Amino acid sequence: MAAERPERTVSAWRPRVPGVVEAFHARFTEYAYPMHVHDAWTLLIVDDGAVRYDLDRHEHGTPHDTVTLLPPHVPHNGSPATSDGFRKRVLYLDGTHLGGDPAGDGPAGDGLIGAAVDRPDLRDPLLRRRVGQVHAALVRPGDELEAESRLTLVGERLRAHLRSRDAAAGTPRRDPVLARRLRELLDERVVEGIGLREAAGVLSAHPAHLVRAFSGAYGIAPHQYLMSRRVGRARRLLLEGAAPSAVAAATGFYDQAHLTRHFRKLVGVTPGRYRAGVR
């Protein structure tokens, strides 16, 4: 009987989200990484199994309820810690969400590198869930604003951990004027959309504060508000008899599948069924 071959399945891409150098999803049963370095921050979650690795001559592990943040330019390795291997999702980040560009020439997130070396594995259920939500958004074309918004909050929580602050402490400062200005900006850009970093530049605000101010004022995240506005426009066009494919293009969705996903989430049926029921 032939021996079962080790499994090596990978998926890698460059998302259209500021600060993300690469997204990498992999399933390995026996493969072991030798010592190596990255020029970007490595944000890792393990969905199945566990990974054992050495960082700065200390052994660490990544069970499924842990978020691991490996700093740039610090050697590490990696191998399965269970007989069934591991399945992981990784984001390679420049310094955008961690206070600098670790691969560049300017002041980097270097002040956080030492803390990440000392405490690379973070047991934080909320952070773990948020990182998973970023990955879920990244695999859906057209949901870049959601991924960027969620990643901004992930970066904020990571910085709190590395600076030895209580990541859950503090109440976000309310800013209804800023929230209203962002809503007006989103209303102006329903079809063409706007990235979080661009919006932050226009409104002279930090991206994380922008997301929190909007969510605190309206009870909905900026990306959810934008998608709601787009679905509202799509409904009106479908009532007028437009085809779903044309509606998707006219309302700012990436494609018809993108429209269908959000339309069904908010209306309960697909655009096609909605249009078929129009009287």
C-alpha atoms as a PDB file:
ATOM      1  CA  MET A   1       0.000   0.000   0.000  1.00  0.00           C
ATOM      2  CA  ALA A   2       1.474   3.322  -1.050  1.00  0.00           C
ATOM      3  CA  ALA A   3       2.268   5.829   1.669  1.00  0.00           C
ATOM      4  CA  GLU A   4       0.072   8.882   1.784  1.00  0.00           C
ATOM      5  CA  ARG A   5       1.812  11.910   0.321  1.00  0.00           C
ATOM      6  CA  PRO A   6       2.248  14.972   2.536  1.00  0.00           C
ATOM      7  CA  GLU A   7      -0.316  17.685   1.814  1.00  0.00           C
ATOM      8  CA  ARG A   8       0.851  21.126   0.735  1.00  0.00           C
ATOM      9  CA  THR A   9      -1.912  23.489  -0.348  1.00  0.00           C
ATOM     10  CA  VAL A  10      -1.359  27.225  -0.620  1.00  0.00           C
ATOM     11  CA  SER A  11      -3.208  30.312  -1.813  1.00  0.00           C
ATOM     12  CA  ALA A  12      -1.425  33.667  -2.008  1.00  0.00           C
ATOM     13  CA  TRP A  13      -2.385  37.073  -3.378  1.00  0.00           C
ATOM     14  CA  ARG A  14      -1.773  40.804  -3.032  1.00  0.00           C
ATOM     15  CA  PRO A  15      -5.006  42.374  -1.746  1.00  0.00           C
ATOM     16  CA  ARG A  16      -6.007  45.872  -2.787  1.00  0.00           C
ATOM     17  CA  VAL A  17      -5.899  47.022   0.822  1.00  0.00           C
ATOM     18  CA  PRO A  18      -3.345  49.575   2.066  1.00  0.00           C
ATOM     19  CA  GLY A  19      -0.748  48.090   4.360  1.00  0.00           C
ATOM     20  CA  VAL A  20      -1.214  44.461   3.271  1.00  0.00           C
ATOM     21  CA  VAL A  21       1.846  43.164   1.428  1.00  0.00           C
ATOM     22  CA  GLU A  22       0.457  39.647   0.973  1.00  0.00           C
ATOM     23  CA  ALA A  23      -2.306  37.339   2.112  1.00  0.00           C
ATOM     24  CA  PHE A  24      -1.268  33.697   2.445  1.00  0.00           C
ATOM     25  CA  HIS A  25      -3.459  30.701   3.274  1.00  0.00           C
ATOM     26  CA  ALA A  26      -1.816  27.274   3.602  1.00  0.00           C
ATOM     27  CA  ARG A  27      -2.408  23.699   4.680  1.00  0.00           C
ATOM     28  CA  PHE A  28       0.729  21.649   5.493  1.00  0.00           C
ATOM     29  CA  THR A  29       0.950  18.205   7.051  1.00  0.00           C
ATOM     30  CA  GLU A  30       4.684  17.640   7.292  1.00  0.00           C
ATOM     31  CA  TYR A  31       6.511  20.652   5.872  1.00  0.00           C
ATOM     32  CA  ALA A  32       8.892  22.476   8.219  1.00  0.00           C
ATOM     33  CA  TYR A  33      10.126  26.019   7.546  1.00  0.00           C
ATOM     34  CA  PRO A  34      13.871  26.538   8.108  1.00  0.00           C
ATOM     35  CA  MET A  35      15.126  29.636   9.886  1.00  0.00           C
ATOM     36  CA  HIS A  36      14.266  32.700   7.793  1.00  0.00           C
ATOM     37  CA  VAL A  37      13.224  36.343   8.044  1.00  0.00           C
ATOM     38  CA  HIS A  38      10.551  38.575   6.526  1.00  0.00           C
ATOM     39  CA  ASP A  39      10.810  42.269   5.759  1.00  0.00           C
ATOM     40  CA  ALA A  40       7.195  42.725   6.889  1.00  0.00           C
ATOM     41  CA  TRP A  41       5.194  42.027  10.021  1.00  0.00           C
ATOM     42  CA  THR A  42       3.707  38.503  10.021  1.00  0.00           C
ATOM     43  CA  LEU A  43       0.204  38.261  11.481  1.00  0.00           C
ATOM     44  CA  LEU A  44      -0.716  34.587  11.831  1.00  0.00           C
ATOM     45  CA  ILE A  45      -3.734  32.606  12.956  1.00  0.00           C
ATOM     46  CA  VAL A  46      -4.000  28.810  12.921  1.00  0.00           C
ATOM     47  CA  ASP A  47      -7.404  27.291  12.127  1.00  0.00           C
ATOM     48  CA  ASP A  48      -6.500  23.605  12.536  1.00  0.00           C
ATOM     49  CA  GLY A  49      -3.631  21.933  14.341  1.00  0.00           C
ATOM     50  CA  ALA A  50      -0.781  23.963  15.771  1.00  0.00           C
ATOM     51  CA  VAL A  51       2.595  25.351  14.744  1.00  0.00           C
ATOM     52  CA  ARG A  52       5.789  25.177  16.780  1.00  0.00           C
ATOM     53  CA  TYR A  53       8.454  27.795  16.077  1.00  0.00           C
ATOM     54  CA  ASP A  54      11.614  29.337  17.467  1.00  0.00           C
ATOM     55  CA  LEU A  55      11.990  33.106  17.733  1.00  0.00           C
ATOM     56  CA  ASP A  56      15.019  34.774  19.294  1.00  0.00           C
ATOM     57  CA  ARG A  57      16.203  31.367  20.617  1.00  0.00           C
ATOM     58  CA  HIS A  58      12.928  30.746  22.475  1.00  0.00           C
ATOM     59  CA  GLU A  59      10.353  28.115  21.555  1.00  0.00           C
ATOM     60  CA  HIS A  60       6.747  29.160  20.984  1.00  0.00           C
ATOM     61  CA  GLY A  61       3.494  27.603  19.815  1.00  0.00           C
ATOM     62  CA  THR A  62       0.346  28.793  18.063  1.00  0.00           C
ATOM     63  CA  PRO A  63      -2.827  26.963  19.122  1.00  0.00           C
ATOM     64  CA  HIS A  64      -6.010  27.855  17.271  1.00  0.00           C
ATOM     65  CA  ASP A  65      -7.171  30.416  19.858  1.00  0.00           C
ATOM     66  CA  THR A  66      -4.000  32.519  19.581  1.00  0.00           C
ATOM     67  CA  VAL A  67      -2.958  35.417  17.370  1.00  0.00           C
ATOM     68  CA  THR A  68       0.752  35.426  16.547  1.00  0.00           C
ATOM     69  CA  LEU A  69       2.593  38.568  15.494  1.00  0.00           C
ATOM     70  CA  LEU A  70       6.161  38.071  14.289  1.00  0.00           C
ATOM     71  CA  PRO A  71       8.268  41.198  13.797  1.00  0.00           C
ATOM     72  CA  PRO A  72      10.255  41.972  10.640  1.00  0.00           C
ATOM     73  CA  HIS A  73      13.911  40.995  10.274  1.00  0.00           C
ATOM     74  CA  VAL A  74      13.872  38.629  13.273  1.00  0.00           C
ATOM     75  CA  PRO A  75      14.755  35.006  12.336  1.00  0.00           C
ATOM     76  CA  HIS A  76      12.207  32.293  13.018  1.00  0.00           C
ATOM     77  CA  ASN A  77      11.250  28.853  11.756  1.00  0.00           C
ATOM     78  CA  GLY A  78       8.078  26.776  11.876  1.00  0.00           C
ATOM     79  CA  SER A  79       6.876  23.180  11.856  1.00  0.00           C
ATOM     80  CA  PRO A  80       3.701  21.214  12.638  1.00  0.00           C
ATOM     81  CA  ALA A  81       3.114  20.596  16.326  1.00  0.00           C
ATOM     82  CA  THR A  82       0.479  17.909  15.702  1.00  0.00           C
ATOM     83  CA  SER A  83       0.472  14.721  13.632  1.00  0.00           C
ATOM     84  CA  ASP A  84      -2.186  16.118  11.285  1.00  0.00           C
ATOM     85  CA  GLY A  85      -0.195  19.235  10.458  1.00  0.00           C
ATOM     86  CA  PHE A  86      -1.786  22.666  10.444  1.00  0.00           C
ATOM     87  CA  ARG A  87      -3.945  25.041   8.439  1.00  0.00           C
ATOM     88  CA  LYS A  88      -3.066  28.701   8.772  1.00  0.00           C
ATOM     89  CA  ARG A  89      -3.974  32.152   7.469  1.00  0.00           C
ATOM     90  CA  VAL A  90      -1.309  34.833   7.342  1.00  0.00           C
ATOM     91  CA  LEU A  91      -1.193  38.539   6.611  1.00  0.00           C
ATOM     92  CA  TYR A  92       2.131  40.165   5.820  1.00  0.00           C
ATOM     93  CA  LEU A  93       1.855  43.825   6.803  1.00  0.00           C
ATOM     94  CA  ASP A  94       4.015  46.851   6.256  1.00  0.00           C
ATOM     95  CA  GLY A  95       4.197  49.355   9.094  1.00  0.00           C
ATOM     96  CA  THR A  96       0.937  51.125   8.183  1.00  0.00           C
ATOM     97  CA  HIS A  97      -1.042  49.516  10.971  1.00  0.00           C
ATOM     98  CA  LEU A  98       1.816  49.249  13.454  1.00  0.00           C
ATOM     99  CA  GLY A  99       3.275  52.734  13.479  1.00  0.00           C
ATOM    100  CA  GLY A 100       5.825  52.873  10.665  1.00  0.00           C
ATOM    101  CA  ASP A 101       7.375  51.105   7.704  1.00  0.00           C
ATOM    102  CA  PRO A 102       9.601  48.336   9.062  1.00  0.00           C
ATOM    103  CA  ALA A 103      11.047  47.648   5.629  1.00  0.00           C
ATOM    104  CA  GLY A 104      11.722  51.268   4.814  1.00  0.00           C
ATOM    105  CA  ASP A 105      14.214  53.910   5.732  1.00  0.00           C
ATOM    106  CA  GLY A 106      12.082  56.039   8.036  1.00  0.00           C
ATOM    107  CA  PRO A 107      11.087  55.544  11.662  1.00  0.00           C
ATOM    108  CA  ALA A 108       9.468  52.159  11.726  1.00  0.00           C
ATOM    109  CA  GLY A 109       7.394  50.229  14.176  1.00  0.00           C
ATOM    110  CA  ASP A 110      10.855  49.506  15.613  1.00  0.00           C
ATOM    111  CA  GLY A 111       9.688  50.526  19.062  1.00  0.00           C
ATOM    112  CA  LEU A 112       7.235  47.620  18.938  1.00  0.00           C
ATOM    113  CA  ILE A 113       9.637  45.015  17.569  1.00  0.00           C
ATOM    114  CA  GLY A 114      11.191  44.254  20.943  1.00  0.00           C
ATOM    115  CA  ALA A 115       7.782  43.810  22.526  1.00  0.00           C
ATOM    116  CA  ALA A 116       6.722  41.490  19.691  1.00  0.00           C
ATOM    117  CA  VAL A 117       9.864  39.389  20.184  1.00  0.00           C
ATOM    118  CA  ASP A 118       9.075  39.068  23.899  1.00  0.00           C
ATOM    119  CA  ARG A 119       5.320  38.424  23.448  1.00  0.00           C
ATOM    120  CA  PRO A 120       4.605  37.116  19.932  1.00  0.00           C
ATOM    121  CA  ASP A 121       1.595  34.991  20.904  1.00  0.00           C
ATOM    122  CA  LEU A 122      -1.488  36.890  22.045  1.00  0.00           C
ATOM    123  CA  ARG A 123      -4.457  35.154  23.649  1.00  0.00           C
ATOM    124  CA  ASP A 124      -7.218  37.617  22.862  1.00  0.00           C
ATOM    125  CA  PRO A 125     -10.537  36.149  21.611  1.00  0.00           C
ATOM    126  CA  LEU A 126     -11.767  39.474  20.216  1.00  0.00           C
ATOM    127  CA  LEU A 127      -8.521  40.069  18.336  1.00  0.00           C
ATOM    128  CA  ARG A 128      -8.614  36.496  17.015  1.00  0.00           C
ATOM    129  CA  ARG A 129     -12.168  36.990  15.755  1.00  0.00           C
ATOM    130  CA  ARG A 130     -11.313  40.319  14.129  1.00  0.00           C
ATOM    131  CA  VAL A 131      -8.317  38.890  12.292  1.00  0.00           C
ATOM    132  CA  GLY A 132     -10.556  36.120  10.958  1.00  0.00           C
ATOM    133  CA  GLN A 133     -13.049  38.740   9.783  1.00  0.00           C
ATOM    134  CA  VAL A 134     -10.289  40.556   7.887  1.00  0.00           C
ATOM    135  CA  HIS A 135      -9.391  37.350   6.053  1.00  0.00           C
ATOM    136  CA  ALA A 136     -13.049  36.654   5.290  1.00  0.00           C
ATOM    137  CA  ALA A 137     -13.400  40.104   3.722  1.00  0.00           C
ATOM    138  CA  LEU A 138     -10.150  39.793   1.758  1.00  0.00           C
ATOM    139  CA  VAL A 139     -11.322  36.691  -0.113  1.00  0.00           C
ATOM    140  CA  ARG A 140     -14.450  38.528  -1.317  1.00  0.00           C
ATOM    141  CA  PRO A 141     -13.655  40.878  -4.218  1.00  0.00           C
ATOM    142  CA  GLY A 142     -15.310  44.241  -3.711  1.00  0.00           C
ATOM    143  CA  ASP A 143     -15.195  44.177   0.097  1.00  0.00           C
ATOM    144  CA  GLU A 144     -11.878  45.999   0.405  1.00  0.00           C
ATOM    145  CA  LEU A 145     -13.368  48.819   2.506  1.00  0.00           C
ATOM    146  CA  GLU A 146     -14.606  46.271   5.036  1.00  0.00           C
ATOM    147  CA  ALA A 147     -11.194  44.582   5.145  1.00  0.00           C
ATOM    148  CA  GLU A 148      -9.424  47.924   5.555  1.00  0.00           C
ATOM    149  CA  SER A 149     -11.791  49.048   8.311  1.00  0.00           C
ATOM    150  CA  ARG A 150     -11.465  45.795  10.226  1.00  0.00           C
ATOM    151  CA  LEU A 151      -7.688  45.737   9.798  1.00  0.00           C
ATOM    152  CA  THR A 152      -7.464  49.259  11.205  1.00  0.00           C
ATOM    153  CA  LEU A 153      -9.106  48.068  14.427  1.00  0.00           C
ATOM    154  CA  VAL A 154      -6.849  45.001  14.474  1.00  0.00           C
ATOM    155  CA  GLY A 155      -3.793  47.252  14.238  1.00  0.00           C
ATOM    156  CA  GLU A 156      -5.078  49.428  17.058  1.00  0.00           C
ATOM    157  CA  ARG A 157      -5.539  46.398  19.321  1.00  0.00           C
ATOM    158  CA  LEU A 158      -2.130  44.969  18.413  1.00  0.00           C
ATOM    159  CA  ARG A 159      -0.436  48.263  19.298  1.00  0.00           C
ATOM    160  CA  ALA A 160      -2.258  48.288  22.643  1.00  0.00           C
ATOM    161  CA  HIS A 161      -0.968  44.784  23.401  1.00  0.00           C
ATOM    162  CA  LEU A 162       2.607  45.596  22.417  1.00  0.00           C
ATOM    163  CA  ARG A 163       2.612  48.800  24.437  1.00  0.00           C
ATOM    164  CA  SER A 164       1.515  46.825  27.502  1.00  0.00           C
ATOM    165  CA  ARG A 165      -1.834  48.541  27.729  1.00  0.00           C
ATOM    166  CA  ASP A 166      -5.079  46.751  28.403  1.00  0.00           C
ATOM    167  CA  ALA A 167      -6.286  46.154  24.860  1.00  0.00           C
ATOM    168  CA  ALA A 168      -9.895  46.273  25.982  1.00  0.00           C
ATOM    169  CA  ALA A 169      -9.592  49.358  28.165  1.00  0.00           C
ATOM    170  CA  GLY A 170     -10.906  52.771  27.381  1.00  0.00           C
ATOM    171  CA  THR A 171     -14.104  54.115  25.899  1.00  0.00           C
ATOM    172  CA  PRO A 172     -13.863  55.505  22.368  1.00  0.00           C
ATOM    173  CA  ARG A 173     -14.188  59.282  22.280  1.00  0.00           C
ATOM    174  CA  ARG A 174     -17.414  60.237  20.554  1.00  0.00           C
ATOM    175  CA  ASP A 175     -17.141  62.617  17.644  1.00  0.00           C
ATOM    176  CA  PRO A 176     -20.572  63.148  16.032  1.00  0.00           C
ATOM    177  CA  VAL A 177     -19.305  65.933  13.760  1.00  0.00           C
ATOM    178  CA  LEU A 178     -16.626  63.687  12.289  1.00  0.00           C
ATOM    179  CA  ALA A 179     -19.163  60.862  11.936  1.00  0.00           C
ATOM    180  CA  ARG A 180     -21.541  63.139  10.038  1.00  0.00           C
ATOM    181  CA  ARG A 181     -18.742  64.349   7.735  1.00  0.00           C
ATOM    182  CA  LEU A 182     -17.795  60.745   6.919  1.00  0.00           C
ATOM    183  CA  ARG A 183     -21.436  59.887   6.234  1.00  0.00           C
ATOM    184  CA  GLU A 184     -21.680  62.835   3.839  1.00  0.00           C
ATOM    185  CA  LEU A 185     -18.481  61.702   2.127  1.00  0.00           C
ATOM    186  CA  LEU A 186     -19.824  58.163   1.739  1.00  0.00           C
ATOM    187  CA  ASP A 187     -23.104  59.552   0.389  1.00  0.00           C
ATOM    188  CA  GLU A 188     -21.148  61.480  -2.257  1.00  0.00           C
ATOM    189  CA  ARG A 189     -19.152  58.389  -3.217  1.00  0.00           C
ATOM    190  CA  VAL A 190     -21.757  55.618  -3.118  1.00  0.00           C
ATOM    191  CA  VAL A 191     -20.940  54.237  -6.557  1.00  0.00           C
ATOM    192  CA  GLU A 192     -17.219  54.919  -6.890  1.00  0.00           C
ATOM    193  CA  GLY A 193     -16.514  54.209  -3.210  1.00  0.00           C
ATOM    194  CA  ILE A 194     -13.621  55.464  -1.112  1.00  0.00           C
ATOM    195  CA  GLY A 195     -10.868  53.761   0.837  1.00  0.00           C
ATOM    196  CA  LEU A 196     -10.521  54.305   4.559  1.00  0.00           C
ATOM    197  CA  ARG A 197      -7.060  55.824   4.255  1.00  0.00           C
ATOM    198  CA  GLU A 198      -8.258  58.273   1.618  1.00  0.00           C
ATOM    199  CA  ALA A 199     -11.279  59.211   3.729  1.00  0.00           C
ATOM    200  CA  ALA A 200      -9.030  59.732   6.743  1.00  0.00           C
ATOM    201  CA  GLY A 201      -6.849  62.053   4.681  1.00  0.00           C
ATOM    202  CA  VAL A 202      -9.815  64.054   3.421  1.00  0.00           C
ATOM    203  CA  LEU A 203     -11.238  64.423   6.925  1.00  0.00           C
ATOM    204  CA  SER A 204      -7.869  64.825   8.716  1.00  0.00           C
ATOM    205  CA  ALA A 205      -8.566  61.998  11.146  1.00  0.00           C
ATOM    206  CA  HIS A 206      -6.888  58.762  12.169  1.00  0.00           C
ATOM    207  CA  PRO A 207      -8.517  55.790  10.387  1.00  0.00           C
ATOM    208  CA  ALA A 208      -9.249  53.942  13.645  1.00  0.00           C
ATOM    209  CA  HIS A 209     -10.877  57.020  15.172  1.00  0.00           C
ATOM    210  CA  LEU A 210     -12.880  57.459  11.977  1.00  0.00           C
ATOM    211  CA  VAL A 211     -14.298  53.928  12.181  1.00  0.00           C
ATOM    212  CA  ARG A 212     -15.077  54.189  15.892  1.00  0.00           C
ATOM    213  CA  ALA A 213     -16.679  57.633  15.612  1.00  0.00           C
ATOM    214  CA  PHE A 214     -18.935  56.497  12.772  1.00  0.00           C
ATOM    215  CA  SER A 215     -19.910  53.218  14.425  1.00  0.00           C
ATOM    216  CA  GLY A 216     -20.558  54.957  17.731  1.00  0.00           C
ATOM    217  CA  ALA A 217     -22.763  57.607  16.138  1.00  0.00           C
ATOM    218  CA  TYR A 218     -24.814  55.420  13.803  1.00  0.00           C
ATOM    219  CA  GLY A 219     -24.542  51.898  15.185  1.00  0.00           C
ATOM    220  CA  ILE A 220     -23.162  50.613  11.894  1.00  0.00           C
ATOM    221  CA  ALA A 221     -19.659  50.396  10.438  1.00  0.00           C
ATOM    222  CA  PRO A 222     -18.745  52.611   7.450  1.00  0.00           C
ATOM    223  CA  HIS A 223     -18.495  49.654   5.054  1.00  0.00           C
ATOM    224  CA  GLN A 224     -21.928  48.400   6.161  1.00  0.00           C
ATOM    225  CA  TYR A 225     -23.423  51.841   5.590  1.00  0.00           C
ATOM    226  CA  LEU A 226     -21.920  52.060   2.101  1.00  0.00           C
ATOM    227  CA  MET A 227     -23.202  48.614   1.134  1.00  0.00           C
ATOM    228  CA  SER A 228     -26.655  49.497   2.470  1.00  0.00           C
ATOM    229  CA  ARG A 229     -26.729  52.586   0.277  1.00  0.00           C
ATOM    230  CA  ARG A 230     -25.663  50.574  -2.752  1.00  0.00           C
ATOM    231  CA  VAL A 231     -28.304  47.914  -2.128  1.00  0.00           C
ATOM    232  CA  GLY A 232     -30.923  50.662  -1.816  1.00  0.00           C
ATOM    233  CA  ARG A 233     -29.965  52.014  -5.228  1.00  0.00           C
ATOM    234  CA  ALA A 234     -29.965  48.500  -6.639  1.00  0.00           C
ATOM    235  CA  ARG A 235     -33.524  47.921  -5.431  1.00  0.00           C
ATOM    236  CA  ARG A 236     -34.753  51.025  -7.220  1.00  0.00           C
ATOM    237  CA  LEU A 237     -33.095  49.989 -10.472  1.00  0.00           C
ATOM    238  CA  LEU A 238     -34.485  46.465 -10.217  1.00  0.00           C
ATOM    239  CA  LEU A 239     -37.967  47.908  -9.661  1.00  0.00           C
ATOM    240  CA  GLU A 240     -37.498  49.764 -12.921  1.00  0.00           C
ATOM    241  CA  GLY A 241     -36.779  46.489 -14.693  1.00  0.00           C
ATOM    242  CA  ALA A 242     -32.982  46.652 -15.010  1.00  0.00           C
ATOM    243  CA  ALA A 243     -31.074  43.370 -15.230  1.00  0.00           C
ATOM    244  CA  PRO A 244     -29.010  42.377 -12.171  1.00  0.00           C
ATOM    245  CA  SER A 245     -25.747  42.452 -14.145  1.00  0.00           C
ATOM    246  CA  ALA A 246     -26.406  46.025 -15.242  1.00  0.00           C
ATOM    247  CA  VAL A 247     -27.521  46.989 -11.742  1.00  0.00           C
ATOM    248  CA  ALA A 248     -24.273  45.678 -10.255  1.00  0.00           C
ATOM    249  CA  ALA A 249     -22.215  47.850 -12.585  1.00  0.00           C
ATOM    250  CA  ALA A 250     -24.390  50.901 -12.004  1.00  0.00           C
ATOM    251  CA  THR A 251     -24.323  50.765  -8.209  1.00  0.00           C
ATOM    252  CA  GLY A 252     -20.635  50.221  -7.489  1.00  0.00           C
ATOM    253  CA  PHE A 253     -20.480  46.484  -6.881  1.00  0.00           C
ATOM    254  CA  TYR A 254     -17.450  44.520  -8.049  1.00  0.00           C
ATOM    255  CA  ASP A 255     -19.596  42.162 -10.122  1.00  0.00           C
ATOM    256  CA  GLN A 256     -23.021  40.506 -10.080  1.00  0.00           C
ATOM    257  CA  ALA A 257     -21.900  37.936  -7.494  1.00  0.00           C
ATOM    258  CA  HIS A 258     -20.820  40.762  -5.203  1.00  0.00           C
ATOM    259  CA  LEU A 259     -24.224  42.417  -5.592  1.00  0.00           C
ATOM    260  CA  THR A 260     -26.016  39.123  -4.983  1.00  0.00           C
ATOM    261  CA  ARG A 261     -24.115  38.414  -1.764  1.00  0.00           C
ATOM    262  CA  HIS A 262     -24.915  41.764  -0.163  1.00  0.00           C
ATOM    263  CA  PHE A 263     -28.424  42.022  -1.621  1.00  0.00           C
ATOM    264  CA  ARG A 264     -29.412  38.634  -0.234  1.00  0.00           C
ATOM    265  CA  LYS A 265     -27.885  39.548   3.136  1.00  0.00           C
ATOM    266  CA  LEU A 266     -29.926  42.760   3.407  1.00  0.00           C
ATOM    267  CA  VAL A 267     -33.122  41.901   1.506  1.00  0.00           C
ATOM    268  CA  GLY A 268     -33.400  38.162   2.069  1.00  0.00           C
ATOM    269  CA  VAL A 269     -33.584  37.138  -1.601  1.00  0.00           C
ATOM    270  CA  THR A 270     -31.322  37.390  -4.634  1.00  0.00           C
ATOM    271  CA  PRO A 271     -31.645  40.343  -7.032  1.00  0.00           C
ATOM    272  CA  GLY A 272     -33.085  37.985  -9.655  1.00  0.00           C
ATOM    273  CA  ARG A 273     -35.854  36.744  -7.378  1.00  0.00           C
ATOM    274  CA  TYR A 274     -36.539  40.274  -6.195  1.00  0.00           C
ATOM    275  CA  ARG A 275     -36.893  41.483  -9.790  1.00  0.00           C
ATOM    276  CA  ALA A 276     -39.118  38.507 -10.679  1.00  0.00           C
ATOM    277  CA  GLY A 277     -41.505  39.489  -7.893  1.00  0.00           C
ATOM    278  CA  VAL A 278     -41.878  43.110  -9.066  1.00  0.00           C
ATOM    279  CA  ARG A 279     -45.439  44.047 -10.035  1.00  0.00           C
END
